């Protein structure tokens, strides 16, 4: 090997070494920047907490949440639920809750998914913020679970529903998935469980899906607080598209 070739080989080796170093350091830094609490957090618990955190933690709440608008129409426990201000669809005043009895004028949390785990954790535990829920903030595992849901568990509602409220999934595939994962508890026709016993007839899966498809999708994905309902995402390993398919089929039930 002549001197020119030796120089080329040496230069190439240096380039590869520098490249390995450049690409390796960010990976290590990234691993160190993710808190262990976030890594270990249970995203399903986070989805349930977003629904009704005080039911999950079995704690009492009283009065209205300090940041719940005085002109809004709900009161008591409802005002402490994350979904009440930020919406089942995660887009708050820009989504289903843009009008009606649930309107608060508050933004959703979908855009917050781009925040770092630590930023979200700090926002939820900041003692100087009226938003802080002490009973939740005192349980760091629960806070991290909610943070993980905010960052990884929200779904772009426009991928699931059209502007007229119809679902965008595959009802045939949704029916197959429903038969395997849901029918045993809810019945093939969706009427084995009554979600609103104050009304005449059975208000089953079809009724709920048509009345509130956003809520139905959230519960398909994460379950229902205080029940044994499994999460299609965490327990069944379903994709976002498959959960939308189940919702689409659910809308066909009567």
C-alpha atoms as a PDB file:
ATOM      1  CA  UNK A   1       0.000   0.000   0.000  1.00  0.00           C
ATOM      2  CA  UNK A   2       1.463   3.356  -1.020  1.00  0.00           C
ATOM      3  CA  UNK A   3       1.508   6.486   1.135  1.00  0.00           C
ATOM      4  CA  UNK A   4      -1.495   8.002  -0.641  1.00  0.00           C
ATOM      5  CA  UNK A   5      -3.672   4.956   0.052  1.00  0.00           C
ATOM      6  CA  UNK A   6      -2.575   4.874   3.694  1.00  0.00           C
ATOM      7  CA  UNK A   7      -3.684   8.507   4.130  1.00  0.00           C
ATOM      8  CA  UNK A   8      -7.069   7.785   2.518  1.00  0.00           C
ATOM      9  CA  UNK A   9      -7.677   4.768   4.780  1.00  0.00           C
ATOM     10  CA  UNK A  10      -6.674   6.706   7.883  1.00  0.00           C
ATOM     11  CA  UNK A  11      -8.893   9.635   6.933  1.00  0.00           C
ATOM     12  CA  UNK A  12     -11.843   7.294   6.306  1.00  0.00           C
ATOM     13  CA  UNK A  13     -11.365   5.649   9.703  1.00  0.00           C
ATOM     14  CA  UNK A  14     -11.410   9.043  11.414  1.00  0.00           C
ATOM     15  CA  UNK A  15     -14.615  10.028   9.600  1.00  0.00           C
ATOM     16  CA  UNK A  16     -16.336   6.806  10.667  1.00  0.00           C
ATOM     17  CA  UNK A  17     -15.183   7.277  14.253  1.00  0.00           C
ATOM     18  CA  UNK A  18     -16.458  10.844  14.365  1.00  0.00           C
ATOM     19  CA  UNK A  19     -19.749   9.777  12.797  1.00  0.00           C
ATOM     20  CA  UNK A  20     -20.235   7.077  15.409  1.00  0.00           C
ATOM     21  CA  UNK A  21     -19.498   9.572  18.166  1.00  0.00           C
ATOM     22  CA  UNK A  22     -21.872  12.176  16.739  1.00  0.00           C
ATOM     23  CA  UNK A  23     -24.764   9.742  16.465  1.00  0.00           C
ATOM     24  CA  UNK A  24     -24.056   8.009  19.762  1.00  0.00           C
ATOM     25  CA  UNK A  25     -23.967  11.018  22.049  1.00  0.00           C
ATOM     26  CA  UNK A  26     -27.517  12.236  21.342  1.00  0.00           C
ATOM     27  CA  UNK A  27     -28.874   8.729  21.970  1.00  0.00           C
ATOM     28  CA  UNK A  28     -27.177   8.611  25.365  1.00  0.00           C
ATOM     29  CA  UNK A  29     -28.302  12.117  26.209  1.00  0.00           C
ATOM     30  CA  UNK A  30     -31.850  11.260  25.170  1.00  0.00           C
ATOM     31  CA  UNK A  31     -31.893   8.193  27.418  1.00  0.00           C
ATOM     32  CA  UNK A  32     -30.637  10.246  30.347  1.00  0.00           C
ATOM     33  CA  UNK A  33     -33.209  12.996  29.735  1.00  0.00           C
ATOM     34  CA  UNK A  34     -36.244  10.694  30.079  1.00  0.00           C
ATOM     35  CA  UNK A  35     -37.153  10.369  33.782  1.00  0.00           C
ATOM     36  CA  UNK A  36     -37.404   6.841  35.122  1.00  0.00           C
ATOM     37  CA  UNK A  37     -40.883   7.603  36.434  1.00  0.00           C
ATOM     38  CA  UNK A  38     -42.042   8.329  32.903  1.00  0.00           C
ATOM     39  CA  UNK A  39     -40.419   5.206  31.477  1.00  0.00           C
ATOM     40  CA  UNK A  40     -42.132   3.010  34.071  1.00  0.00           C
ATOM     41  CA  UNK A  41     -45.507   4.783  33.905  1.00  0.00           C
ATOM     42  CA  UNK A  42     -48.695   2.862  33.024  1.00  0.00           C
ATOM     43  CA  UNK A  43     -50.345   4.612  30.077  1.00  0.00           C
ATOM     44  CA  UNK A  44     -53.673   2.846  30.665  1.00  0.00           C
ATOM     45  CA  UNK A  45     -53.838   4.262  34.175  1.00  0.00           C
ATOM     46  CA  UNK A  46     -53.167   7.649  32.606  1.00  0.00           C
ATOM     47  CA  UNK A  47     -56.145   7.256  30.290  1.00  0.00           C
ATOM     48  CA  UNK A  48     -58.371   6.332  33.227  1.00  0.00           C
ATOM     49  CA  UNK A  49     -57.079   9.262  35.275  1.00  0.00           C
ATOM     50  CA  UNK A  50     -57.917  11.640  32.428  1.00  0.00           C
ATOM     51  CA  UNK A  51     -61.466  10.279  32.565  1.00  0.00           C
ATOM     52  CA  UNK A  52     -62.052  10.447  36.331  1.00  0.00           C
ATOM     53  CA  UNK A  53     -58.848  10.584  38.387  1.00  0.00           C
ATOM     54  CA  UNK A  54     -60.577  10.755  41.782  1.00  0.00           C
ATOM     55  CA  UNK A  55     -62.458   7.528  41.034  1.00  0.00           C
ATOM     56  CA  UNK A  56     -59.195   5.794  40.149  1.00  0.00           C
ATOM     57  CA  UNK A  57     -57.418   7.078  43.278  1.00  0.00           C
ATOM     58  CA  UNK A  58     -60.514   6.646  45.478  1.00  0.00           C
ATOM     59  CA  UNK A  59     -60.403  10.160  46.944  1.00  0.00           C
ATOM     60  CA  UNK A  60     -63.103  12.721  47.680  1.00  0.00           C
ATOM     61  CA  UNK A  61     -63.431  16.047  45.894  1.00  0.00           C
ATOM     62  CA  UNK A  62     -65.642  18.919  46.979  1.00  0.00           C
ATOM     63  CA  UNK A  63     -66.782  22.167  45.444  1.00  0.00           C
ATOM     64  CA  UNK A  64     -65.681  23.226  41.996  1.00  0.00           C
ATOM     65  CA  UNK A  65     -62.164  23.073  40.581  1.00  0.00           C
ATOM     66  CA  UNK A  66     -60.579  26.508  41.172  1.00  0.00           C
ATOM     67  CA  UNK A  67     -59.995  27.034  37.460  1.00  0.00           C
ATOM     68  CA  UNK A  68     -63.441  25.898  36.341  1.00  0.00           C
ATOM     69  CA  UNK A  69     -65.154  28.962  34.809  1.00  0.00           C
ATOM     70  CA  UNK A  70     -67.854  30.421  37.043  1.00  0.00           C
ATOM     71  CA  UNK A  71     -70.138  30.943  34.040  1.00  0.00           C
ATOM     72  CA  UNK A  72     -69.916  27.287  32.938  1.00  0.00           C
ATOM     73  CA  UNK A  73     -72.769  24.917  33.729  1.00  0.00           C
ATOM     74  CA  UNK A  74     -71.297  21.940  35.587  1.00  0.00           C
ATOM     75  CA  UNK A  75     -70.575  21.682  39.304  1.00  0.00           C
ATOM     76  CA  UNK A  76     -68.909  19.466  41.887  1.00  0.00           C
ATOM     77  CA  UNK A  77     -67.011  16.373  40.834  1.00  0.00           C
ATOM     78  CA  UNK A  78     -67.579  16.899  37.128  1.00  0.00           C
ATOM     79  CA  UNK A  79     -65.488  20.084  37.245  1.00  0.00           C
ATOM     80  CA  UNK A  80     -62.460  18.135  38.517  1.00  0.00           C
ATOM     81  CA  UNK A  81     -62.340  15.714  35.602  1.00  0.00           C
ATOM     82  CA  UNK A  82     -59.641  16.423  33.009  1.00  0.00           C
ATOM     83  CA  UNK A  83     -62.018  15.532  30.205  1.00  0.00           C
ATOM     84  CA  UNK A  84     -64.589  18.074  31.394  1.00  0.00           C
ATOM     85  CA  UNK A  85     -62.480  21.042  30.313  1.00  0.00           C
ATOM     86  CA  UNK A  86     -60.161  19.449  27.756  1.00  0.00           C
ATOM     87  CA  UNK A  87     -62.703  17.161  26.103  1.00  0.00           C
ATOM     88  CA  UNK A  88     -62.956  13.478  25.307  1.00  0.00           C
ATOM     89  CA  UNK A  89     -61.490  14.441  21.943  1.00  0.00           C
ATOM     90  CA  UNK A  90     -58.551  16.312  23.574  1.00  0.00           C
ATOM     91  CA  UNK A  91     -59.310  19.554  21.731  1.00  0.00           C
ATOM     92  CA  UNK A  92     -61.479  21.294  24.325  1.00  0.00           C
ATOM     93  CA  UNK A  93     -63.311  24.370  23.045  1.00  0.00           C
ATOM     94  CA  UNK A  94     -62.481  23.453  19.447  1.00  0.00           C
ATOM     95  CA  UNK A  95     -64.190  20.054  19.582  1.00  0.00           C
ATOM     96  CA  UNK A  96     -67.398  18.496  20.852  1.00  0.00           C
ATOM     97  CA  UNK A  97     -67.397  20.848  23.839  1.00  0.00           C
ATOM     98  CA  UNK A  98     -67.376  24.004  21.724  1.00  0.00           C
ATOM     99  CA  UNK A  99     -71.001  24.523  22.762  1.00  0.00           C
ATOM    100  CA  UNK A 100     -73.630  23.088  25.069  1.00  0.00           C
ATOM    101  CA  UNK A 101     -73.630  22.202  28.753  1.00  0.00           C
ATOM    102  CA  UNK A 102     -69.947  21.183  28.721  1.00  0.00           C
ATOM    103  CA  UNK A 103     -68.616  24.392  27.174  1.00  0.00           C
ATOM    104  CA  UNK A 104     -65.839  26.056  29.203  1.00  0.00           C
ATOM    105  CA  UNK A 105     -63.867  27.926  26.544  1.00  0.00           C
ATOM    106  CA  UNK A 106     -60.723  26.028  27.607  1.00  0.00           C
ATOM    107  CA  UNK A 107     -58.178  24.610  25.160  1.00  0.00           C
ATOM    108  CA  UNK A 108     -57.538  20.915  24.736  1.00  0.00           C
ATOM    109  CA  UNK A 109     -54.349  19.033  25.556  1.00  0.00           C
ATOM    110  CA  UNK A 110     -53.576  17.558  22.153  1.00  0.00           C
ATOM    111  CA  UNK A 111     -50.885  20.154  21.449  1.00  0.00           C
ATOM    112  CA  UNK A 112     -49.308  19.484  24.866  1.00  0.00           C
ATOM    113  CA  UNK A 113     -48.121  16.064  23.654  1.00  0.00           C
ATOM    114  CA  UNK A 114     -45.022  17.795  22.252  1.00  0.00           C
ATOM    115  CA  UNK A 115     -43.892  18.948  25.695  1.00  0.00           C
ATOM    116  CA  UNK A 116     -41.175  16.996  27.465  1.00  0.00           C
ATOM    117  CA  UNK A 117     -42.155  14.541  30.214  1.00  0.00           C
ATOM    118  CA  UNK A 118     -40.522  16.753  32.835  1.00  0.00           C
ATOM    119  CA  UNK A 119     -42.288  19.892  31.601  1.00  0.00           C
ATOM    120  CA  UNK A 120     -45.677  18.210  31.903  1.00  0.00           C
ATOM    121  CA  UNK A 121     -44.846  16.671  35.270  1.00  0.00           C
ATOM    122  CA  UNK A 122     -43.774  20.060  36.615  1.00  0.00           C
ATOM    123  CA  UNK A 123     -46.943  21.714  35.332  1.00  0.00           C
ATOM    124  CA  UNK A 124     -49.115  19.112  37.056  1.00  0.00           C
ATOM    125  CA  UNK A 125     -47.250  19.310  40.375  1.00  0.00           C
ATOM    126  CA  UNK A 126     -46.498  23.047  40.588  1.00  0.00           C
ATOM    127  CA  UNK A 127     -47.757  24.020  44.039  1.00  0.00           C
ATOM    128  CA  UNK A 128     -48.064  27.618  42.943  1.00  0.00           C
ATOM    129  CA  UNK A 129     -50.521  26.776  40.198  1.00  0.00           C
ATOM    130  CA  UNK A 130     -54.251  26.682  40.802  1.00  0.00           C
ATOM    131  CA  UNK A 131     -54.349  23.844  38.287  1.00  0.00           C
ATOM    132  CA  UNK A 132     -52.458  21.526  40.636  1.00  0.00           C
ATOM    133  CA  UNK A 133     -54.602  18.763  42.096  1.00  0.00           C
ATOM    134  CA  UNK A 134     -52.936  17.983  45.425  1.00  0.00           C
ATOM    135  CA  UNK A 135     -54.496  14.549  45.803  1.00  0.00           C
ATOM    136  CA  UNK A 136     -53.117  13.603  42.401  1.00  0.00           C
ATOM    137  CA  UNK A 137     -49.794  15.427  42.711  1.00  0.00           C
ATOM    138  CA  UNK A 138     -48.993  13.575  45.937  1.00  0.00           C
ATOM    139  CA  UNK A 139     -48.895  10.310  43.952  1.00  0.00           C
ATOM    140  CA  UNK A 140     -45.924  10.596  41.595  1.00  0.00           C
ATOM    141  CA  UNK A 141     -46.699   7.306  39.796  1.00  0.00           C
ATOM    142  CA  UNK A 142     -50.134   8.626  38.885  1.00  0.00           C
ATOM    143  CA  UNK A 143     -48.747  11.944  37.698  1.00  0.00           C
ATOM    144  CA  UNK A 144     -46.270  10.157  35.424  1.00  0.00           C
ATOM    145  CA  UNK A 145     -49.082   7.928  34.129  1.00  0.00           C
ATOM    146  CA  UNK A 146     -51.134  11.002  33.218  1.00  0.00           C
ATOM    147  CA  UNK A 147     -48.084  12.570  31.601  1.00  0.00           C
ATOM    148  CA  UNK A 148     -47.546   9.443  29.498  1.00  0.00           C
ATOM    149  CA  UNK A 149     -51.183   9.487  28.401  1.00  0.00           C
ATOM    150  CA  UNK A 150     -50.940  13.160  27.412  1.00  0.00           C
ATOM    151  CA  UNK A 151     -47.797  12.536  25.359  1.00  0.00           C
ATOM    152  CA  UNK A 152     -48.537   9.102  23.873  1.00  0.00           C
ATOM    153  CA  UNK A 153     -52.171   8.178  24.447  1.00  0.00           C
ATOM    154  CA  UNK A 154     -54.127  10.941  22.755  1.00  0.00           C
ATOM    155  CA  UNK A 155     -55.503  10.382  19.291  1.00  0.00           C
ATOM    156  CA  UNK A 156     -56.106  12.817  16.467  1.00  0.00           C
ATOM    157  CA  UNK A 157     -59.900  12.840  16.544  1.00  0.00           C
ATOM    158  CA  UNK A 158     -60.043  13.869  12.872  1.00  0.00           C
ATOM    159  CA  UNK A 159     -58.566  10.460  12.027  1.00  0.00           C
ATOM    160  CA  UNK A 160     -61.537   8.805  13.716  1.00  0.00           C
ATOM    161  CA  UNK A 161     -64.526  11.015  12.962  1.00  0.00           C
ATOM    162  CA  UNK A 162     -65.710  13.090  10.046  1.00  0.00           C
ATOM    163  CA  UNK A 163     -67.061  16.575  10.681  1.00  0.00           C
ATOM    164  CA  UNK A 164     -70.631  15.223  10.614  1.00  0.00           C
ATOM    165  CA  UNK A 165     -69.859  12.743  13.415  1.00  0.00           C
ATOM    166  CA  UNK A 166     -69.681   9.639  11.246  1.00  0.00           C
ATOM    167  CA  UNK A 167     -66.750   7.324  11.901  1.00  0.00           C
ATOM    168  CA  UNK A 168     -63.931   6.776   9.445  1.00  0.00           C
ATOM    169  CA  UNK A 169     -63.073   3.156  10.230  1.00  0.00           C
ATOM    170  CA  UNK A 170     -63.879  -0.241   8.742  1.00  0.00           C
ATOM    171  CA  UNK A 171     -67.139  -1.476  10.301  1.00  0.00           C
ATOM    172  CA  UNK A 172     -66.603  -5.052   9.049  1.00  0.00           C
ATOM    173  CA  UNK A 173     -63.214  -5.361  10.723  1.00  0.00           C
ATOM    174  CA  UNK A 174     -64.593  -3.537  13.743  1.00  0.00           C
ATOM    175  CA  UNK A 175     -67.333  -6.132  14.037  1.00  0.00           C
ATOM    176  CA  UNK A 176     -64.795  -8.954  14.033  1.00  0.00           C
ATOM    177  CA  UNK A 177     -62.727  -7.210  16.699  1.00  0.00           C
ATOM    178  CA  UNK A 178     -65.835  -6.441  18.755  1.00  0.00           C
ATOM    179  CA  UNK A 179     -66.874 -10.104  18.678  1.00  0.00           C
ATOM    180  CA  UNK A 180     -63.480 -11.165  20.005  1.00  0.00           C
ATOM    181  CA  UNK A 181     -62.855  -8.447  22.579  1.00  0.00           C
ATOM    182  CA  UNK A 182     -66.166  -6.873  23.595  1.00  0.00           C
ATOM    183  CA  UNK A 183     -69.179  -9.135  22.987  1.00  0.00           C
ATOM    184  CA  UNK A 184     -68.630 -11.367  26.022  1.00  0.00           C
ATOM    185  CA  UNK A 185     -69.368  -8.456  28.359  1.00  0.00           C
ATOM    186  CA  UNK A 186     -71.518  -6.175  26.204  1.00  0.00           C
ATOM    187  CA  UNK A 187     -73.407  -8.753  24.154  1.00  0.00           C
ATOM    188  CA  UNK A 188     -73.394  -9.303  20.415  1.00  0.00           C
ATOM    189  CA  UNK A 189     -76.000  -6.567  20.027  1.00  0.00           C
ATOM    190  CA  UNK A 190     -74.267  -4.283  22.546  1.00  0.00           C
ATOM    191  CA  UNK A 191     -77.236  -4.297  24.921  1.00  0.00           C
ATOM    192  CA  UNK A 192     -76.057  -6.621  27.677  1.00  0.00           C
ATOM    193  CA  UNK A 193     -75.151  -3.596  29.832  1.00  0.00           C
ATOM    194  CA  UNK A 194     -77.367  -0.546  30.318  1.00  0.00           C
ATOM    195  CA  UNK A 195     -75.393   2.707  30.516  1.00  0.00           C
ATOM    196  CA  UNK A 196     -78.354   4.921  31.414  1.00  0.00           C
ATOM    197  CA  UNK A 197     -80.989   3.051  33.411  1.00  0.00           C
ATOM    198  CA  UNK A 198     -83.006   6.230  33.866  1.00  0.00           C
ATOM    199  CA  UNK A 199     -84.222   6.012  30.289  1.00  0.00           C
ATOM    200  CA  UNK A 200     -86.734   3.660  28.760  1.00  0.00           C
ATOM    201  CA  UNK A 201     -85.210   0.620  27.092  1.00  0.00           C
ATOM    202  CA  UNK A 202     -81.574  -0.492  27.107  1.00  0.00           C
ATOM    203  CA  UNK A 203     -79.010   2.227  26.509  1.00  0.00           C
ATOM    204  CA  UNK A 204     -76.179   0.001  25.362  1.00  0.00           C
ATOM    205  CA  UNK A 205     -73.046   0.302  23.246  1.00  0.00           C
ATOM    206  CA  UNK A 206     -74.920   1.521  20.177  1.00  0.00           C
ATOM    207  CA  UNK A 207     -76.723   4.200  22.159  1.00  0.00           C
ATOM    208  CA  UNK A 208     -73.510   5.471  23.768  1.00  0.00           C
ATOM    209  CA  UNK A 209     -71.567   5.402  20.502  1.00  0.00           C
ATOM    210  CA  UNK A 210     -74.212   7.438  18.705  1.00  0.00           C
ATOM    211  CA  UNK A 211     -74.786   9.774  21.632  1.00  0.00           C
ATOM    212  CA  UNK A 212     -71.080  10.441  22.255  1.00  0.00           C
ATOM    213  CA  UNK A 213     -68.639   8.771  19.847  1.00  0.00           C
ATOM    214  CA  UNK A 214     -65.700  10.718  21.347  1.00  0.00           C
ATOM    215  CA  UNK A 215     -66.316   9.293  24.815  1.00  0.00           C
ATOM    216  CA  UNK A 216     -66.944   5.830  23.382  1.00  0.00           C
ATOM    217  CA  UNK A 217     -63.614   5.870  21.556  1.00  0.00           C
ATOM    218  CA  UNK A 218     -61.774   6.940  24.712  1.00  0.00           C
ATOM    219  CA  UNK A 219     -63.311   4.084  26.697  1.00  0.00           C
ATOM    220  CA  UNK A 220     -62.637   1.561  23.942  1.00  0.00           C
ATOM    221  CA  UNK A 221     -59.023   2.621  24.035  1.00  0.00           C
ATOM    222  CA  UNK A 222     -58.492   2.861  27.821  1.00  0.00           C
ATOM    223  CA  UNK A 223     -61.426   1.281  29.666  1.00  0.00           C
ATOM    224  CA  UNK A 224     -63.792   2.671  32.286  1.00  0.00           C
ATOM    225  CA  UNK A 225     -62.693   3.832  35.778  1.00  0.00           C
ATOM    226  CA  UNK A 226     -63.758   1.509  38.572  1.00  0.00           C
ATOM    227  CA  UNK A 227     -64.592  -1.384  36.248  1.00  0.00           C
ATOM    228  CA  UNK A 228     -62.835  -4.439  34.890  1.00  0.00           C
ATOM    229  CA  UNK A 229     -63.141  -3.177  31.314  1.00  0.00           C
ATOM    230  CA  UNK A 230     -59.840  -3.808  29.521  1.00  0.00           C
ATOM    231  CA  UNK A 231     -57.993  -1.309  27.372  1.00  0.00           C
ATOM    232  CA  UNK A 232     -58.028  -2.190  23.686  1.00  0.00           C
ATOM    233  CA  UNK A 233     -54.648  -0.462  23.358  1.00  0.00           C
ATOM    234  CA  UNK A 234     -52.790  -1.509  26.509  1.00  0.00           C
ATOM    235  CA  UNK A 235     -54.403  -4.903  27.197  1.00  0.00           C
ATOM    236  CA  UNK A 236     -55.352  -6.087  23.717  1.00  0.00           C
ATOM    237  CA  UNK A 237     -52.465  -4.502  21.827  1.00  0.00           C
ATOM    238  CA  UNK A 238     -54.725  -2.919  19.229  1.00  0.00           C
ATOM    239  CA  UNK A 239     -53.630  -0.147  16.902  1.00  0.00           C
ATOM    240  CA  UNK A 240     -55.319   3.244  16.698  1.00  0.00           C
ATOM    241  CA  UNK A 241     -56.940   2.148  13.443  1.00  0.00           C
ATOM    242  CA  UNK A 242     -58.408  -0.973  15.045  1.00  0.00           C
ATOM    243  CA  UNK A 243     -59.955   1.012  17.903  1.00  0.00           C
ATOM    244  CA  UNK A 244     -61.512   3.333  15.315  1.00  0.00           C
ATOM    245  CA  UNK A 245     -62.868   0.261  13.507  1.00  0.00           C
ATOM    246  CA  UNK A 246     -64.569  -0.886  16.727  1.00  0.00           C
ATOM    247  CA  UNK A 247     -66.105   2.549  17.162  1.00  0.00           C
ATOM    248  CA  UNK A 248     -67.314   2.472  13.552  1.00  0.00           C
ATOM    249  CA  UNK A 249     -68.995  -0.890  14.145  1.00  0.00           C
ATOM    250  CA  UNK A 250     -70.433   0.274  17.480  1.00  0.00           C
ATOM    251  CA  UNK A 251     -72.251   3.073  15.683  1.00  0.00           C
ATOM    252  CA  UNK A 252     -74.170   0.453  13.697  1.00  0.00           C
ATOM    253  CA  UNK A 253     -75.594  -1.155  16.828  1.00  0.00           C
ATOM    254  CA  UNK A 254     -79.079  -0.237  18.005  1.00  0.00           C
END
